[in-house]
């Protein structure tokens, strides 16, 4: 929803949380706040924007996106509105990034093409696509007679990897701004087989695939649809060649949120009549902190600052704190902002302070 459709957003003063040194979270509308930030103040963007799927009927994942770009007056389709909305926030991210800075954004298979097009239209160069495989999604499908349906079971979320134009050569850009390259050493997948010329263990070069165990996996045996045995066939009992991250557990979701009001957290139930969990962190789509940590290590220089224009429940801020990066998050929904502040504050207290790269 834009200020044009809801004047209250234009007059509501942003609320700033954080320690004013290592991290901050602003409760505000991203499209309104980003233009107020100075050029070239961010080293990387790692974010999980709405997917434009009307998830659980939420306005922030559907109707508000259309309203923000005037879709009704311009007669835009849902996909066209999402692409234009993406271009708007990604254009601001490009302005805020230092030359060569990377942007990584999660997407959904159904709308990912519009996300990528919007990021590219914003003037960023598409560099890669990362596939996060998890194998434990619930099919959002009508169940029809004859064992028929309308959708497949989700088992993958794609992430676009884009970069702002370099300032000169790659070497020049790194020397001037500290950005423009991926931190391969920090993103390597460590096992006991890959060594450098001096015999030091270095691990495998990071691939554009990450995976998570199925919740039903056990230490002795994986579930049949777990991505690990499917990806690493022939590597029995050997380390995976791809980055591994467990899905966010209840303990990870709740850390720091113990004092927050409890609300129903489930959007989709696996079994009719199953009690719905009540949690302090009731955000519907929290990403695993370890996955965001890996992405942060890859694209943000040590001591750099990560921007998260859609902070949600704060997984990006927690990851930045644990990786020694500075963090600026923006979250429009007050209930999610409170959750994010509680979680980031918790993990910030567990982490070493970020290094100063200036």
Protein backbone atom coordinates (compact mmCIF):
# COMPACT_ATOMS: atom_id res chain seq x y z
CA UNK A 1 0.00 0.00 0.00
CA UNK A 2 1.42 3.38 -0.97
CA UNK A 3 1.05 6.80 0.57
CA UNK A 4 -1.27 7.66 -2.31
CA UNK A 5 -3.75 4.98 -1.26
CA UNK A 6 -3.16 5.32 2.48
CA UNK A 7 -2.14 8.86 3.53
CA UNK A 8 -1.37 7.59 7.03
CA UNK A 9 1.79 5.97 5.69
CA UNK A 10 3.07 9.33 4.50
CA UNK A 11 2.61 11.07 7.85
CA UNK A 12 3.55 8.19 10.17
CA UNK A 13 7.00 8.93 11.54
CA UNK A 14 9.39 5.97 11.08
CA UNK A 15 10.38 4.24 14.31
CA UNK A 16 14.06 3.29 14.65
CA UNK A 17 15.17 0.37 16.80
CA UNK A 18 18.66 -1.01 17.39
CA UNK A 19 21.92 -0.14 19.08
CA UNK A 20 22.71 2.79 16.72
CA UNK A 21 26.17 1.31 16.09
CA UNK A 22 25.99 -2.24 14.74
CA UNK A 23 22.37 -2.64 13.69
CA UNK A 24 19.16 -0.79 13.17
CA UNK A 25 15.63 -1.64 12.15
CA UNK A 26 13.20 0.99 10.90
CA UNK A 27 9.46 0.43 11.13
CA UNK A 28 8.41 2.08 7.87
CA UNK A 29 7.30 1.46 4.29
CA UNK A 30 10.31 0.50 2.18
CA UNK A 31 9.17 2.49 -0.87
CA UNK A 32 8.91 5.62 1.27
CA UNK A 33 12.07 5.20 3.35
CA UNK A 34 14.65 4.04 0.79
CA UNK A 35 14.64 7.36 -1.14
CA UNK A 36 15.66 9.13 2.09
CA UNK A 37 18.93 7.19 2.45
CA UNK A 38 22.22 8.50 1.00
CA UNK A 39 23.84 7.15 -2.17
CA UNK A 40 26.44 4.40 -1.88
CA UNK A 41 25.97 3.70 1.82
CA UNK A 42 25.35 -0.07 1.58
CA UNK A 43 27.74 -2.93 0.76
CA UNK A 44 25.15 -5.64 -0.04
CA UNK A 45 21.42 -6.33 -0.10
CA UNK A 46 20.11 -9.68 1.16
CA UNK A 47 16.33 -9.83 1.31
CA UNK A 48 13.18 -11.92 1.21
CA UNK A 49 10.53 -9.70 -0.43
CA UNK A 50 6.86 -10.63 -0.72
CA UNK A 51 6.23 -13.14 -3.52
CA UNK A 52 2.92 -11.65 -4.72
CA UNK A 53 1.02 -14.88 -3.99
CA UNK A 54 -1.52 -13.41 -1.51
CA UNK A 55 0.00 -15.79 1.05
CA UNK A 56 -2.66 -16.66 3.61
CA UNK A 57 -4.77 -13.82 2.22
CA UNK A 58 -2.28 -11.22 3.49
CA UNK A 59 -2.62 -7.79 1.84
CA UNK A 60 1.16 -7.21 2.02
CA UNK A 61 1.66 -10.15 -0.35
CA UNK A 62 -0.89 -9.07 -2.93
CA UNK A 63 -3.29 -6.16 -2.84
CA UNK A 64 -0.85 -3.69 -1.30
CA UNK A 65 1.66 -4.35 -4.09
CA UNK A 66 -0.94 -3.46 -6.71
CA UNK A 67 -1.97 -0.34 -4.81
CA UNK A 68 1.64 0.82 -4.42
CA UNK A 69 2.15 1.08 -8.19
CA UNK A 70 -1.34 2.23 -9.18
CA UNK A 71 -2.13 -1.05 -10.91
CA UNK A 72 -5.85 -0.35 -11.12
CA UNK A 73 -5.50 2.99 -12.91
CA UNK A 74 -2.84 1.63 -15.28
CA UNK A 75 -4.80 -1.60 -15.90
CA UNK A 76 -1.83 -3.74 -14.95
CA UNK A 77 -2.07 -7.47 -14.41
CA UNK A 78 -0.92 -8.88 -11.06
CA UNK A 79 2.36 -9.97 -12.64
CA UNK A 80 2.98 -6.60 -14.29
CA UNK A 81 2.27 -4.79 -11.01
CA UNK A 82 4.69 -7.05 -9.13
CA UNK A 83 7.41 -6.46 -11.71
CA UNK A 84 6.94 -2.67 -11.58
CA UNK A 85 6.92 -2.73 -7.76
CA UNK A 86 10.12 -4.80 -7.77
CA UNK A 87 11.77 -2.34 -10.15
CA UNK A 88 10.97 0.51 -7.77
CA UNK A 89 12.58 -0.91 -4.67
CA UNK A 90 15.44 -2.53 -6.60
CA UNK A 91 16.23 0.82 -8.29
CA UNK A 92 16.63 2.39 -4.86
CA UNK A 93 18.79 -0.53 -3.75
CA UNK A 94 21.02 0.00 -6.80
CA UNK A 95 21.46 3.67 -5.84
CA UNK A 96 22.29 2.77 -2.24
CA UNK A 97 24.80 0.04 -3.13
CA UNK A 98 28.47 0.83 -3.54
CA UNK A 99 29.78 0.11 -7.06
CA UNK A 100 29.97 -3.65 -7.56
CA UNK A 101 27.66 -4.34 -4.62
CA UNK A 102 25.55 -7.50 -4.77
CA UNK A 103 21.82 -7.97 -4.28
CA UNK A 104 20.34 -11.38 -3.38
CA UNK A 105 16.57 -11.83 -3.18
CA UNK A 106 14.40 -14.88 -2.53
CA UNK A 107 11.54 -15.64 -4.89
CA UNK A 108 8.80 -18.16 -5.63
CA UNK A 109 8.75 -20.35 -8.77
CA UNK A 110 5.42 -18.88 -9.91
CA UNK A 111 6.51 -15.23 -9.77
CA UNK A 112 10.31 -15.46 -9.94
CA UNK A 113 10.46 -14.40 -13.60
CA UNK A 114 8.79 -11.09 -12.69
CA UNK A 115 11.19 -10.60 -9.78
CA UNK A 116 14.22 -11.13 -12.01
CA UNK A 117 12.83 -8.84 -14.73
CA UNK A 118 12.15 -6.10 -12.17
CA UNK A 119 15.66 -6.36 -10.72
CA UNK A 120 17.17 -6.21 -14.20
CA UNK A 121 14.95 -3.29 -15.23
CA UNK A 122 16.27 -1.48 -12.15
CA UNK A 123 19.72 -1.45 -13.75
CA UNK A 124 21.33 -4.35 -11.90
CA UNK A 125 23.21 -7.08 -13.75
CA UNK A 126 21.84 -10.60 -13.24
CA UNK A 127 24.80 -12.76 -12.24
CA UNK A 128 23.30 -16.07 -11.13
CA UNK A 129 20.36 -17.95 -9.65
CA UNK A 130 20.68 -19.98 -6.43
CA UNK A 131 18.29 -22.87 -5.83
CA UNK A 132 17.34 -23.65 -2.23
CA UNK A 133 15.97 -27.20 -2.04
CA UNK A 134 14.05 -28.41 0.98
CA UNK A 135 11.61 -31.15 -0.07
CA UNK A 136 9.21 -30.57 2.84
CA UNK A 137 6.72 -28.05 1.48
CA UNK A 138 2.96 -28.53 1.61
CA UNK A 139 1.08 -28.62 -1.72
CA UNK A 140 -1.16 -25.55 -1.98
CA UNK A 141 -3.56 -27.37 -4.26
CA UNK A 142 -7.20 -28.23 -4.51
CA UNK A 143 -7.67 -31.96 -4.06
CA UNK A 144 -10.05 -33.23 -6.70
CA UNK A 145 -11.62 -36.61 -7.35
CA UNK A 146 -9.52 -39.15 -9.17
CA UNK A 147 -6.34 -38.11 -7.31
CA UNK A 148 -6.08 -34.89 -9.26
CA UNK A 149 -5.02 -31.42 -8.17
CA UNK A 150 -4.08 -27.94 -9.34
CA UNK A 151 -0.47 -27.51 -8.13
CA UNK A 152 2.71 -29.42 -7.37
CA UNK A 153 4.31 -29.74 -3.95
CA UNK A 154 6.90 -26.97 -3.46
CA UNK A 155 10.44 -28.21 -2.88
CA UNK A 156 12.51 -25.29 -4.16
CA UNK A 157 12.83 -21.54 -3.77
CA UNK A 158 15.00 -19.66 -6.28
CA UNK A 159 17.14 -16.65 -5.37
CA UNK A 160 18.29 -14.04 -7.86
CA UNK A 161 21.90 -12.85 -7.55
CA UNK A 162 22.50 -9.43 -9.14
CA UNK A 163 25.28 -6.84 -9.06
CA UNK A 164 25.60 -3.09 -9.46
CA UNK A 165 27.93 -1.95 -12.26
CA UNK A 166 31.64 -1.92 -11.43
CA UNK A 167 33.72 1.23 -11.08
CA UNK A 168 36.47 0.31 -13.53
CA UNK A 169 37.98 -3.17 -13.54
CA UNK A 170 37.16 -5.77 -10.92
CA UNK A 171 40.52 -5.18 -9.25
CA UNK A 172 40.02 -1.41 -9.28
CA UNK A 173 36.53 -1.75 -7.84
CA UNK A 174 37.70 -3.97 -4.98
CA UNK A 175 40.55 -1.56 -4.19
CA UNK A 176 38.26 1.50 -4.16
CA UNK A 177 35.08 0.13 -2.60
CA UNK A 178 35.77 -3.35 -1.20
CA UNK A 179 32.90 -4.78 -3.26
CA UNK A 180 32.41 -6.42 -6.65
CA UNK A 181 33.50 -10.00 -5.88
CA UNK A 182 32.07 -13.00 -4.07
CA UNK A 183 33.84 -14.16 -0.93
CA UNK A 184 34.51 -17.69 -2.18
CA UNK A 185 36.69 -18.60 0.78
CA UNK A 186 33.93 -17.75 3.26
CA UNK A 187 31.32 -19.59 1.22
CA UNK A 188 33.19 -22.85 0.62
CA UNK A 189 31.45 -26.10 1.59
CA UNK A 190 33.86 -27.73 3.99
CA UNK A 191 34.57 -31.44 3.89
CA UNK A 192 37.71 -33.55 4.31
CA UNK A 193 38.64 -33.94 0.63
CA UNK A 194 39.60 -30.57 -0.83
CA UNK A 195 42.97 -29.01 0.01
CA UNK A 196 45.08 -26.22 -1.45
CA UNK A 197 48.59 -26.58 -2.88
CA UNK A 198 50.05 -26.33 0.63
CA UNK A 199 47.86 -29.17 1.85
CA UNK A 200 45.50 -26.95 3.85
CA UNK A 201 41.85 -27.99 3.98
CA UNK A 202 39.83 -25.46 1.98
CA UNK A 203 36.57 -27.21 1.09
CA UNK A 204 34.64 -27.14 -2.16
CA UNK A 205 33.97 -24.06 -4.28
CA UNK A 206 30.42 -22.90 -3.40
CA UNK A 207 27.75 -23.99 -5.87
CA UNK A 208 24.48 -22.30 -6.76
CA UNK A 209 22.54 -24.95 -4.83
CA UNK A 210 21.69 -25.11 -1.14
CA UNK A 211 19.55 -27.73 0.56
CA UNK A 212 17.74 -28.58 3.79
CA UNK A 213 16.87 -31.96 5.32
CA UNK A 214 13.27 -33.15 5.33
CA UNK A 215 11.83 -32.81 8.88
CA UNK A 216 11.36 -36.59 9.02
CA UNK A 217 15.08 -37.31 8.41
CA UNK A 218 16.96 -39.13 11.17
CA UNK A 219 20.67 -39.43 11.87
CA UNK A 220 20.81 -42.95 10.43
CA UNK A 221 18.52 -42.47 7.44
CA UNK A 222 17.09 -39.67 5.33
CA UNK A 223 13.46 -39.40 4.29
CA UNK A 224 12.95 -40.60 0.67
CA UNK A 225 12.30 -37.06 -0.62
CA UNK A 226 15.16 -35.39 1.27
CA UNK A 227 17.35 -33.45 -1.18
CA UNK A 228 20.62 -34.88 0.22
CA UNK A 229 20.36 -38.45 -1.15
CA UNK A 230 18.92 -37.10 -4.39
CA UNK A 231 21.75 -34.58 -4.86
CA UNK A 232 24.62 -36.66 -3.51
CA UNK A 233 23.94 -40.08 -5.01
CA UNK A 234 27.10 -42.15 -4.94
CA UNK A 235 28.45 -40.16 -1.98
CA UNK A 236 27.19 -42.45 0.78
CA UNK A 237 28.17 -41.21 4.23
CA UNK A 238 30.31 -38.50 2.60
CA UNK A 239 29.88 -34.75 3.16
CA UNK A 240 27.52 -33.01 0.78
CA UNK A 241 28.98 -31.13 -2.17
CA UNK A 242 26.38 -28.39 -1.62
CA UNK A 243 25.69 -25.94 1.17
CA UNK A 244 23.45 -27.42 3.85
CA UNK A 245 21.07 -25.48 6.07
CA UNK A 246 18.36 -26.95 8.25
CA UNK A 247 14.94 -25.33 8.03
CA UNK A 248 14.16 -22.91 10.82
CA UNK A 249 13.31 -24.92 13.93
CA UNK A 250 10.78 -23.83 16.54
CA UNK A 251 13.65 -23.05 18.92
CA UNK A 252 15.37 -20.87 16.30
CA UNK A 253 12.13 -19.04 15.49
CA UNK A 254 11.38 -18.34 19.14
CA UNK A 255 14.80 -17.31 20.42
CA UNK A 256 14.37 -13.79 21.79
CA UNK A 257 10.58 -13.83 21.41
CA UNK A 258 9.70 -15.54 24.67
CA UNK A 259 8.10 -12.40 26.15
CA UNK A 260 6.07 -11.46 23.08
CA UNK A 261 2.31 -12.15 22.91
CA UNK A 262 1.59 -15.65 21.59
CA UNK A 263 -0.42 -16.01 18.38
CA UNK A 264 -1.32 -18.83 16.01
CA UNK A 265 1.67 -19.50 13.79
CA UNK A 266 0.45 -22.08 11.29
CA UNK A 267 -0.92 -21.05 7.91
CA UNK A 268 -1.31 -24.52 6.46
CA UNK A 269 -2.14 -27.56 8.57
CA UNK A 270 -0.89 -31.02 7.66
CA UNK A 271 -3.80 -32.81 9.27
CA UNK A 272 -7.36 -31.78 9.93
CA UNK A 273 -7.91 -31.15 13.62
CA UNK A 274 -4.20 -30.76 14.40
CA UNK A 275 -3.72 -28.10 17.11
CA UNK A 276 -2.24 -24.89 15.77
CA UNK A 277 0.98 -23.85 17.47
CA UNK A 278 0.96 -20.51 19.28
CA UNK A 279 4.26 -18.66 19.21
CA UNK A 280 5.79 -15.30 19.92
CA UNK A 281 7.24 -15.40 16.40
CA UNK A 282 4.13 -15.97 14.30
CA UNK A 283 5.66 -14.74 11.03
CA UNK A 284 4.53 -17.23 8.34
CA UNK A 285 7.77 -17.51 6.32
CA UNK A 286 10.96 -17.16 8.44
CA UNK A 287 14.09 -18.25 6.58
CA UNK A 288 16.82 -20.36 8.25
CA UNK A 289 19.44 -18.16 9.86
CA UNK A 290 22.27 -20.43 8.69
CA UNK A 291 21.16 -20.03 5.07
CA UNK A 292 21.11 -16.23 5.36
CA UNK A 293 24.51 -16.35 7.09
CA UNK A 294 25.97 -18.20 4.10
CA UNK A 295 24.51 -15.69 1.67
CA UNK A 296 25.78 -12.81 3.80
CA UNK A 297 29.30 -14.25 3.89
CA UNK A 298 29.28 -14.66 0.12
CA UNK A 299 28.16 -11.18 -0.93
CA UNK A 300 29.05 -8.75 1.88
CA UNK A 301 32.68 -7.80 2.64
CA UNK A 302 33.91 -8.34 6.19
CA UNK A 303 32.86 -5.34 8.27
CA UNK A 304 30.41 -4.20 5.57
CA UNK A 305 26.75 -3.22 5.96
CA UNK A 306 23.83 -5.32 4.75
CA UNK A 307 20.50 -3.76 3.77
CA UNK A 308 17.30 -5.78 4.18
CA UNK A 309 14.33 -3.82 2.76
CA UNK A 310 11.85 -6.51 3.92
CA UNK A 311 13.07 -7.54 7.36
CA UNK A 312 10.09 -9.76 8.24
CA UNK A 313 10.92 -11.67 11.42
CA UNK A 314 14.56 -10.55 11.43
CA UNK A 315 16.47 -13.63 10.19
CA UNK A 316 18.64 -11.36 8.02
CA UNK A 317 19.57 -9.17 10.97
CA UNK A 318 20.38 -12.19 13.13
CA UNK A 319 22.60 -13.54 10.35
CA UNK A 320 24.40 -10.22 9.93
CA UNK A 321 25.14 -10.01 13.65
CA UNK A 322 26.49 -13.56 13.76
CA UNK A 323 28.68 -12.87 10.71
CA UNK A 324 30.13 -9.62 12.04
CA UNK A 325 28.41 -7.37 9.49
CA UNK A 326 26.46 -4.19 10.11
CA UNK A 327 22.73 -4.34 9.38
CA UNK A 328 19.93 -1.98 8.38
CA UNK A 329 16.48 -3.53 8.13
CA UNK A 330 13.13 -2.05 7.14
CA UNK A 331 9.80 -3.61 8.07
CA UNK A 332 6.40 -2.02 7.48
CA UNK A 333 4.19 -4.28 9.61
CA UNK A 334 4.43 -3.28 13.33
CA UNK A 335 3.79 -6.82 14.59
CA UNK A 336 6.62 -8.23 12.48
CA UNK A 337 8.92 -5.34 13.38
CA UNK A 338 8.54 -6.19 17.08
CA UNK A 339 9.41 -9.82 16.37
CA UNK A 340 12.44 -8.80 14.28
CA UNK A 341 13.74 -6.43 16.96
CA UNK A 342 13.44 -9.14 19.63
CA UNK A 343 15.23 -11.75 17.51
CA UNK A 344 18.02 -9.47 16.26
CA UNK A 345 18.62 -8.18 19.77
CA UNK A 346 18.89 -11.75 21.03
CA UNK A 347 21.44 -12.82 18.41
CA UNK A 348 23.36 -9.54 18.63
CA UNK A 349 23.97 -10.31 22.31
CA UNK A 350 25.34 -13.72 21.32
CA UNK A 351 27.68 -12.41 18.61
CA UNK A 352 30.97 -10.59 18.49
CA UNK A 353 30.63 -6.95 17.41
CA UNK A 354 31.09 -6.30 13.65
CA UNK A 355 34.52 -5.25 12.45
CA UNK A 356 35.13 -1.69 11.31
CA UNK A 357 36.00 -1.69 7.60
CA UNK A 358 36.41 2.09 7.24
